[in-house]
Amino acid sequence: MMDDIDQQLLNALAENARLPVTTLAGKLGLARTTVQARLERLENSGVIAGYTLRLGAQADEKRIRATVLLQLDPRTAPMVVQRLKSIVQVERAVTSSGRFDLLLQIAARSTARLDEILDEIGGIKGVRSSESLIHLSVRIDRGV
């Protein structure tokens, strides 16, 4: 169960996940050992799944992103998802209701590489059809 202090801790980490525990403790007015224990509890419970690198706009603008909509053969989703995990350019895969079974976000360094990735995804056994939407510009980014 998360409380207000846990939420404040998560908010501080969302702003800067590299903050030292002592800095977090000072921001929250808590002992360093208390913050460390809370972090470990949040990690062990799966609330914090990891700490990651977020590229700045300058590095990120050199990558081409696309959303790929997939229709799958019945009962093949687990196998398809397992195969997608091996494609490092697949940043996110979510299930959906409606006409498409999976929505993917992929990133590539060039249109040629994007084309190769799309061919690879389309060739996965169980993928019935796909539709690709290339991202042109970001209008809103809440960093979620």
N, C-alpha and C. Protein backbone atom coordinates (compact mmCIF):
# COMPACT_ATOMS: atom_id res chain seq x y z
N MET A 1 0.84 -1.18 0.00
CA MET A 1 0.00 0.00 0.00
C MET A 1 0.89 1.24 0.00
N MET A 2 0.64 2.15 -0.94
CA MET A 2 1.42 3.37 -1.01
C MET A 2 0.74 4.48 -0.23
N ASP A 3 1.56 5.33 0.40
CA ASP A 3 1.02 6.48 1.11
C ASP A 3 1.53 7.76 0.44
N ASP A 4 1.23 8.90 1.04
CA ASP A 4 1.63 10.19 0.47
C ASP A 4 3.15 10.33 0.36
N ILE A 5 3.87 9.80 1.33
CA ILE A 5 5.33 9.90 1.29
C ILE A 5 5.87 9.08 0.13
N ASP A 6 5.33 7.89 -0.10
CA ASP A 6 5.74 7.10 -1.25
C ASP A 6 5.49 7.87 -2.55
N GLN A 7 4.34 8.51 -2.64
CA GLN A 7 4.01 9.27 -3.85
C GLN A 7 4.97 10.44 -4.03
N GLN A 8 5.31 11.13 -2.95
CA GLN A 8 6.29 12.22 -3.03
C GLN A 8 7.65 11.69 -3.48
N LEU A 9 8.02 10.54 -2.99
CA LEU A 9 9.28 9.92 -3.39
C LEU A 9 9.26 9.58 -4.88
N LEU A 10 8.17 9.01 -5.35
CA LEU A 10 8.04 8.69 -6.78
C LEU A 10 8.06 9.95 -7.63
N ASN A 11 7.42 11.01 -7.17
CA ASN A 11 7.43 12.27 -7.91
C ASN A 11 8.84 12.83 -8.03
N ALA A 12 9.60 12.78 -6.92
CA ALA A 12 10.98 13.27 -6.95
C ALA A 12 11.82 12.43 -7.91
N LEU A 13 11.63 11.13 -7.91
CA LEU A 13 12.38 10.26 -8.82
C LEU A 13 11.96 10.48 -10.27
N ALA A 14 10.70 10.80 -10.50
CA ALA A 14 10.23 11.07 -11.86
C ALA A 14 10.91 12.31 -12.43
N GLU A 15 11.19 13.27 -11.57
CA GLU A 15 11.91 14.47 -12.02
C GLU A 15 13.37 14.18 -12.29
N ASN A 16 13.99 13.35 -11.42
CA ASN A 16 15.39 13.02 -11.58
C ASN A 16 15.66 11.70 -10.86
N ALA A 17 15.71 10.62 -11.62
CA ALA A 17 15.89 9.29 -11.03
C ALA A 17 17.31 9.06 -10.52
N ARG A 18 18.21 10.01 -10.77
CA ARG A 18 19.60 9.86 -10.33
C ARG A 18 19.87 10.54 -9.00
N LEU A 19 18.84 11.08 -8.37
CA LEU A 19 19.06 11.75 -7.08
C LEU A 19 19.58 10.76 -6.05
N PRO A 20 20.63 11.14 -5.34
CA PRO A 20 21.12 10.26 -4.27
C PRO A 20 20.08 10.13 -3.16
N VAL A 21 20.15 9.03 -2.43
CA VAL A 21 19.20 8.77 -1.35
C VAL A 21 19.27 9.91 -0.32
N THR A 22 20.46 10.42 -0.03
CA THR A 22 20.57 11.51 0.96
C THR A 22 19.85 12.77 0.48
N THR A 23 19.91 13.06 -0.81
CA THR A 23 19.20 14.22 -1.36
C THR A 23 17.69 14.00 -1.28
N LEU A 24 17.24 12.80 -1.62
CA LEU A 24 15.81 12.48 -1.51
C LEU A 24 15.35 12.62 -0.07
N ALA A 25 16.15 12.13 0.86
CA ALA A 25 15.80 12.22 2.28
C ALA A 25 15.65 13.69 2.70
N GLY A 26 16.57 14.53 2.25
CA GLY A 26 16.49 15.95 2.59
C GLY A 26 15.25 16.60 2.00
N LYS A 27 14.91 16.27 0.76
CA LYS A 27 13.71 16.83 0.12
C LYS A 27 12.44 16.44 0.85
N LEU A 28 12.42 15.22 1.37
CA LEU A 28 11.22 14.70 2.02
C LEU A 28 11.22 14.90 3.53
N GLY A 29 12.34 15.36 4.06
CA GLY A 29 12.44 15.56 5.51
C GLY A 29 12.44 14.25 6.28
N LEU A 30 13.08 13.22 5.71
CA LEU A 30 13.14 11.90 6.32
C LEU A 30 14.59 11.48 6.51
N ALA A 31 14.79 10.47 7.32
CA ALA A 31 16.12 9.89 7.49
C ALA A 31 16.50 9.12 6.22
N ARG A 32 17.79 9.10 5.94
CA ARG A 32 18.29 8.38 4.76
C ARG A 32 17.89 6.91 4.81
N THR A 33 17.97 6.29 5.98
CA THR A 33 17.62 4.88 6.11
C THR A 33 16.13 4.63 5.85
N THR A 34 15.31 5.59 6.21
CA THR A 34 13.86 5.48 5.94
C THR A 34 13.60 5.51 4.45
N VAL A 35 14.25 6.45 3.75
CA VAL A 35 14.07 6.55 2.30
C VAL A 35 14.60 5.29 1.62
N GLN A 36 15.75 4.81 2.06
CA GLN A 36 16.32 3.59 1.48
C GLN A 36 15.37 2.40 1.65
N ALA A 37 14.79 2.27 2.83
CA ALA A 37 13.85 1.18 3.10
C ALA A 37 12.61 1.31 2.22
N ARG A 38 12.11 2.53 2.05
CA ARG A 38 10.94 2.73 1.20
C ARG A 38 11.25 2.40 -0.26
N LEU A 39 12.42 2.81 -0.72
CA LEU A 39 12.82 2.49 -2.10
C LEU A 39 12.88 0.98 -2.30
N GLU A 40 13.49 0.27 -1.35
CA GLU A 40 13.58 -1.18 -1.46
C GLU A 40 12.20 -1.82 -1.45
N ARG A 41 11.28 -1.32 -0.61
CA ARG A 41 9.92 -1.86 -0.57
C ARG A 41 9.21 -1.61 -1.90
N LEU A 42 9.36 -0.40 -2.45
CA LEU A 42 8.72 -0.07 -3.72
C LEU A 42 9.30 -0.90 -4.87
N GLU A 43 10.60 -1.16 -4.83
CA GLU A 43 11.23 -2.02 -5.85
C GLU A 43 10.75 -3.46 -5.72
N ASN A 44 10.75 -3.99 -4.49
CA ASN A 44 10.35 -5.38 -4.26
C ASN A 44 8.88 -5.63 -4.58
N SER A 45 8.05 -4.62 -4.39
CA SER A 45 6.62 -4.78 -4.68
C SER A 45 6.29 -4.56 -6.16
N GLY A 46 7.28 -4.10 -6.93
CA GLY A 46 7.06 -3.88 -8.36
C GLY A 46 6.55 -2.50 -8.71
N VAL A 47 6.36 -1.62 -7.72
CA VAL A 47 5.94 -0.25 -8.02
C VAL A 47 7.05 0.44 -8.82
N ILE A 48 8.29 0.26 -8.38
CA ILE A 48 9.44 0.74 -9.15
C ILE A 48 10.00 -0.47 -9.87
N ALA A 49 9.89 -0.44 -11.20
CA ALA A 49 10.34 -1.58 -12.00
C ALA A 49 11.79 -1.44 -12.42
N GLY A 50 12.34 -0.26 -12.30
CA GLY A 50 13.73 -0.05 -12.69
C GLY A 50 14.00 1.43 -12.88
N TYR A 51 15.24 1.72 -13.12
CA TYR A 51 15.68 3.09 -13.37
C TYR A 51 16.26 3.08 -14.77
N THR A 52 15.88 4.05 -15.57
CA THR A 52 16.22 3.99 -16.98
C THR A 52 16.75 5.31 -17.49
N LEU A 53 17.33 5.25 -18.65
CA LEU A 53 17.83 6.42 -19.34
C LEU A 53 16.73 6.98 -20.23
N ARG A 54 16.49 8.28 -20.13
CA ARG A 54 15.58 8.96 -21.05
C ARG A 54 16.43 9.91 -21.87
N LEU A 55 16.41 9.72 -23.17
CA LEU A 55 17.20 10.56 -24.04
C LEU A 55 16.62 11.96 -24.11
N GLY A 56 17.51 12.94 -24.17
CA GLY A 56 17.08 14.31 -24.35
C GLY A 56 16.63 14.54 -25.77
N ALA A 57 16.02 15.67 -26.01
CA ALA A 57 15.46 15.97 -27.32
C ALA A 57 16.51 15.90 -28.42
N GLN A 58 17.73 16.34 -28.14
CA GLN A 58 18.77 16.36 -29.16
C GLN A 58 19.13 14.96 -29.63
N ALA A 59 19.26 14.01 -28.71
CA ALA A 59 19.58 12.63 -29.09
C ALA A 59 18.35 11.93 -29.67
N ASP A 60 17.19 12.20 -29.09
CA ASP A 60 15.97 11.52 -29.50
C ASP A 60 15.51 11.95 -30.88
N GLU A 61 15.79 13.18 -31.28
CA GLU A 61 15.30 13.65 -32.58
C GLU A 61 15.98 12.94 -33.74
N LYS A 62 17.06 12.25 -33.48
CA LYS A 62 17.76 11.52 -34.53
C LYS A 62 17.14 10.14 -34.77
N ARG A 63 16.11 9.79 -34.00
CA ARG A 63 15.45 8.50 -34.16
C ARG A 63 14.06 8.70 -34.77
N ILE A 64 13.67 7.75 -35.57
CA ILE A 64 12.35 7.76 -36.19
C ILE A 64 11.47 6.82 -35.38
N ARG A 65 10.32 7.31 -34.99
CA ARG A 65 9.39 6.49 -34.20
C ARG A 65 8.16 6.18 -35.05
N ALA A 66 7.58 5.04 -34.73
CA ALA A 66 6.34 4.64 -35.41
C ALA A 66 5.48 3.86 -34.43
N THR A 67 4.19 3.95 -34.64
CA THR A 67 3.23 3.10 -33.95
C THR A 67 2.82 2.03 -34.95
N VAL A 68 2.86 0.79 -34.51
CA VAL A 68 2.50 -0.32 -35.38
C VAL A 68 1.29 -1.01 -34.76
N LEU A 69 0.25 -1.15 -35.54
CA LEU A 69 -1.00 -1.79 -35.12
C LEU A 69 -1.02 -3.21 -35.69
N LEU A 70 -1.16 -4.20 -34.82
CA LEU A 70 -1.09 -5.59 -35.27
C LEU A 70 -2.40 -6.32 -35.04
N GLN A 71 -2.81 -7.08 -36.05
CA GLN A 71 -3.88 -8.06 -35.89
C GLN A 71 -3.21 -9.43 -35.83
N LEU A 72 -3.60 -10.23 -34.85
CA LEU A 72 -2.96 -11.52 -34.64
C LEU A 72 -3.94 -12.66 -34.90
N ASP A 73 -3.38 -13.82 -35.26
CA ASP A 73 -4.18 -15.03 -35.32
C ASP A 73 -4.62 -15.37 -33.90
N PRO A 74 -5.77 -15.96 -33.74
CA PRO A 74 -6.25 -16.30 -32.39
C PRO A 74 -5.23 -17.14 -31.62
N ARG A 75 -5.10 -16.85 -30.35
CA ARG A 75 -4.26 -17.58 -29.39
C ARG A 75 -2.77 -17.55 -29.69
N THR A 76 -2.31 -16.60 -30.52
CA THR A 76 -0.87 -16.53 -30.80
C THR A 76 -0.19 -15.36 -30.08
N ALA A 77 -0.95 -14.57 -29.33
CA ALA A 77 -0.38 -13.38 -28.68
C ALA A 77 0.84 -13.70 -27.82
N PRO A 78 0.81 -14.72 -26.95
CA PRO A 78 2.00 -14.97 -26.12
C PRO A 78 3.26 -15.25 -26.94
N MET A 79 3.12 -16.02 -28.01
CA MET A 79 4.26 -16.34 -28.86
C MET A 79 4.76 -15.09 -29.59
N VAL A 80 3.83 -14.29 -30.09
CA VAL A 80 4.21 -13.07 -30.81
C VAL A 80 4.91 -12.10 -29.86
N VAL A 81 4.37 -11.91 -28.67
CA VAL A 81 4.99 -11.00 -27.69
C VAL A 81 6.38 -11.49 -27.33
N GLN A 82 6.56 -12.79 -27.16
CA GLN A 82 7.88 -13.33 -26.84
C GLN A 82 8.88 -13.00 -27.96
N ARG A 83 8.46 -13.13 -29.18
CA ARG A 83 9.34 -12.81 -30.33
C ARG A 83 9.62 -11.32 -30.38
N LEU A 84 8.61 -10.48 -30.10
CA LEU A 84 8.80 -9.02 -30.12
C LEU A 84 9.80 -8.58 -29.06
N LYS A 85 9.88 -9.29 -27.95
CA LYS A 85 10.83 -8.93 -26.89
C LYS A 85 12.27 -8.98 -27.37
N SER A 86 12.54 -9.79 -28.38
CA SER A 86 13.90 -9.91 -28.90
C SER A 86 14.27 -8.81 -29.88
N ILE A 87 13.30 -7.99 -30.26
CA ILE A 87 13.56 -6.87 -31.18
C ILE A 87 13.74 -5.62 -30.34
N VAL A 88 14.98 -5.19 -30.16
CA VAL A 88 15.26 -4.10 -29.22
C VAL A 88 14.62 -2.78 -29.63
N GLN A 89 14.30 -2.62 -30.87
CA GLN A 89 13.67 -1.37 -31.33
C GLN A 89 12.21 -1.28 -30.92
N VAL A 90 11.62 -2.38 -30.46
CA VAL A 90 10.25 -2.35 -29.94
C VAL A 90 10.35 -1.80 -28.51
N GLU A 91 9.91 -0.56 -28.34
CA GLU A 91 10.00 0.10 -27.04
C GLU A 91 8.84 -0.26 -26.13
N ARG A 92 7.70 -0.51 -26.73
CA ARG A 92 6.50 -0.76 -25.93
C ARG A 92 5.52 -1.58 -26.77
N ALA A 93 4.85 -2.51 -26.09
CA ALA A 93 3.78 -3.29 -26.73
C ALA A 93 2.63 -3.37 -25.74
N VAL A 94 1.46 -2.96 -26.19
CA VAL A 94 0.27 -3.00 -25.33
C VAL A 94 -0.86 -3.69 -26.06
N THR A 95 -1.66 -4.43 -25.31
CA THR A 95 -2.84 -5.05 -25.90
C THR A 95 -3.93 -4.00 -26.02
N SER A 96 -4.86 -4.25 -26.93
CA SER A 96 -5.94 -3.28 -27.11
C SER A 96 -7.22 -4.02 -27.46
N SER A 97 -8.31 -3.32 -27.30
CA SER A 97 -9.60 -3.86 -27.73
C SER A 97 -9.90 -3.29 -29.11
N GLY A 98 -10.81 -3.90 -29.79
CA GLY A 98 -11.18 -3.39 -31.11
C GLY A 98 -10.52 -4.17 -32.22
N ARG A 99 -10.29 -3.50 -33.32
CA ARG A 99 -9.81 -4.13 -34.54
C ARG A 99 -8.38 -4.67 -34.43
N PHE A 100 -7.54 -4.04 -33.61
CA PHE A 100 -6.15 -4.45 -33.48
C PHE A 100 -5.91 -5.09 -32.12
N ASP A 101 -5.05 -6.10 -32.11
CA ASP A 101 -4.76 -6.84 -30.89
C ASP A 101 -3.59 -6.25 -30.10
N LEU A 102 -2.60 -5.74 -30.80
CA LEU A 102 -1.42 -5.16 -30.16
C LEU A 102 -1.07 -3.82 -30.80
N LEU A 103 -0.63 -2.90 -29.95
CA LEU A 103 -0.11 -1.62 -30.42
C LEU A 103 1.36 -1.58 -30.02
N LEU A 104 2.23 -1.32 -30.97
CA LEU A 104 3.67 -1.26 -30.69
C LEU A 104 4.17 0.15 -30.89
N GLN A 105 5.15 0.55 -30.08
CA GLN A 105 5.91 1.76 -30.37
C GLN A 105 7.31 1.29 -30.67
N ILE A 106 7.81 1.67 -31.84
CA ILE A 106 9.16 1.29 -32.22
C ILE A 106 9.97 2.53 -32.56
N ALA A 107 11.28 2.40 -32.46
CA ALA A 107 12.19 3.51 -32.78
C ALA A 107 13.35 2.95 -33.58
N ALA A 108 13.75 3.68 -34.61
CA ALA A 108 14.86 3.26 -35.46
C ALA A 108 15.72 4.46 -35.80
N ARG A 109 16.94 4.18 -36.21
CA ARG A 109 17.88 5.27 -36.52
C ARG A 109 17.73 5.81 -37.93
N SER A 110 16.98 5.10 -38.79
CA SER A 110 16.80 5.55 -40.17
C SER A 110 15.52 4.94 -40.74
N THR A 111 15.05 5.49 -41.84
CA THR A 111 13.87 4.93 -42.48
C THR A 111 14.17 3.53 -43.03
N ALA A 112 15.40 3.33 -43.49
CA ALA A 112 15.77 2.01 -44.00
C ALA A 112 15.71 0.98 -42.87
N ARG A 113 16.22 1.33 -41.70
CA ARG A 113 16.19 0.40 -40.55
C ARG A 113 14.75 0.19 -40.10
N LEU A 114 13.94 1.25 -40.12
CA LEU A 114 12.53 1.13 -39.76
C LEU A 114 11.85 0.13 -40.70
N ASP A 115 12.14 0.22 -41.98
CA ASP A 115 11.55 -0.69 -42.97
C ASP A 115 11.94 -2.13 -42.68
N GLU A 116 13.20 -2.36 -42.31
CA GLU A 116 13.66 -3.71 -41.96
C GLU A 116 12.92 -4.25 -40.74
N ILE A 117 12.75 -3.40 -39.74
CA ILE A 117 12.05 -3.81 -38.51
C ILE A 117 10.60 -4.15 -38.82
N LEU A 118 9.95 -3.32 -39.63
CA LEU A 118 8.55 -3.58 -39.99
C LEU A 118 8.43 -4.90 -40.74
N ASP A 119 9.38 -5.19 -41.63
CA ASP A 119 9.37 -6.48 -42.34
C ASP A 119 9.55 -7.63 -41.36
N GLU A 120 10.45 -7.45 -40.39
CA GLU A 120 10.69 -8.50 -39.39
C GLU A 120 9.43 -8.75 -38.56
N ILE A 121 8.77 -7.68 -38.15
CA ILE A 121 7.54 -7.83 -37.36
C ILE A 121 6.45 -8.49 -38.19
N GLY A 122 6.30 -8.06 -39.43
CA GLY A 122 5.29 -8.64 -40.31
C GLY A 122 5.52 -10.11 -40.59
N GLY A 123 6.77 -10.56 -40.49
CA GLY A 123 7.11 -11.95 -40.76
C GLY A 123 6.97 -12.88 -39.56
N ILE A 124 6.62 -12.34 -38.41
CA ILE A 124 6.46 -13.18 -37.22
C ILE A 124 5.23 -14.06 -37.39
N LYS A 125 5.41 -15.35 -37.12
CA LYS A 125 4.29 -16.28 -37.23
C LYS A 125 3.21 -15.87 -36.23
N GLY A 126 1.99 -15.72 -36.72
CA GLY A 126 0.87 -15.31 -35.89
C GLY A 126 0.43 -13.88 -36.17
N VAL A 127 1.27 -13.09 -36.83
CA VAL A 127 0.88 -11.72 -37.20
C VAL A 127 0.08 -11.82 -38.49
N ARG A 128 -1.21 -11.50 -38.38
CA ARG A 128 -2.12 -11.58 -39.52
C ARG A 128 -1.97 -10.36 -40.43
N SER A 129 -1.92 -9.17 -39.82
CA SER A 129 -1.75 -7.94 -40.61
C SER A 129 -1.19 -6.85 -39.71
N SER A 130 -0.64 -5.81 -40.35
CA SER A 130 -0.11 -4.69 -39.59
C SER A 130 -0.39 -3.39 -40.33
N GLU A 131 -0.42 -2.34 -39.55
CA GLU A 131 -0.57 -0.99 -40.10
C GLU A 131 0.41 -0.11 -39.34
N SER A 132 1.19 0.68 -40.07
CA SER A 132 2.23 1.49 -39.45
C SER A 132 1.91 2.97 -39.57
N LEU A 133 2.14 3.67 -38.49
CA LEU A 133 1.93 5.12 -38.44
C LEU A 133 3.24 5.76 -38.01
N ILE A 134 3.89 6.49 -38.89
CA ILE A 134 5.16 7.12 -38.56
C ILE A 134 4.89 8.42 -37.84
N HIS A 135 5.57 8.61 -36.70
CA HIS A 135 5.40 9.82 -35.90
C HIS A 135 6.15 10.97 -36.59
N LEU A 136 5.48 12.10 -36.75
CA LEU A 136 6.08 13.25 -37.41
C LEU A 136 6.62 14.28 -36.41
N SER A 137 5.77 14.76 -35.50
CA SER A 137 6.24 15.71 -34.51
C SER A 137 5.46 15.51 -33.21
N VAL A 138 6.10 15.87 -32.12
CA VAL A 138 5.48 15.71 -30.80
C VAL A 138 4.80 17.02 -30.45
N ARG A 139 3.53 16.96 -30.13
CA ARG A 139 2.77 18.15 -29.75
C ARG A 139 2.57 18.23 -28.24
N ILE A 140 2.45 17.07 -27.59
CA ILE A 140 2.31 17.01 -26.13
C ILE A 140 3.14 15.82 -25.67
N ASP A 141 3.96 16.03 -24.64
CA ASP A 141 4.74 14.94 -24.04
C ASP A 141 4.77 15.13 -22.54
N ARG A 142 4.02 14.33 -21.85
CA ARG A 142 3.96 14.43 -20.40
C ARG A 142 5.02 13.57 -19.73
N GLY A 143 5.87 12.90 -20.52
CA GLY A 143 6.95 12.11 -19.98
C GLY A 143 6.51 10.89 -19.23
N VAL A 144 5.34 10.39 -19.53
CA VAL A 144 4.81 9.22 -18.82
C VAL A 144 5.27 7.97 -19.53
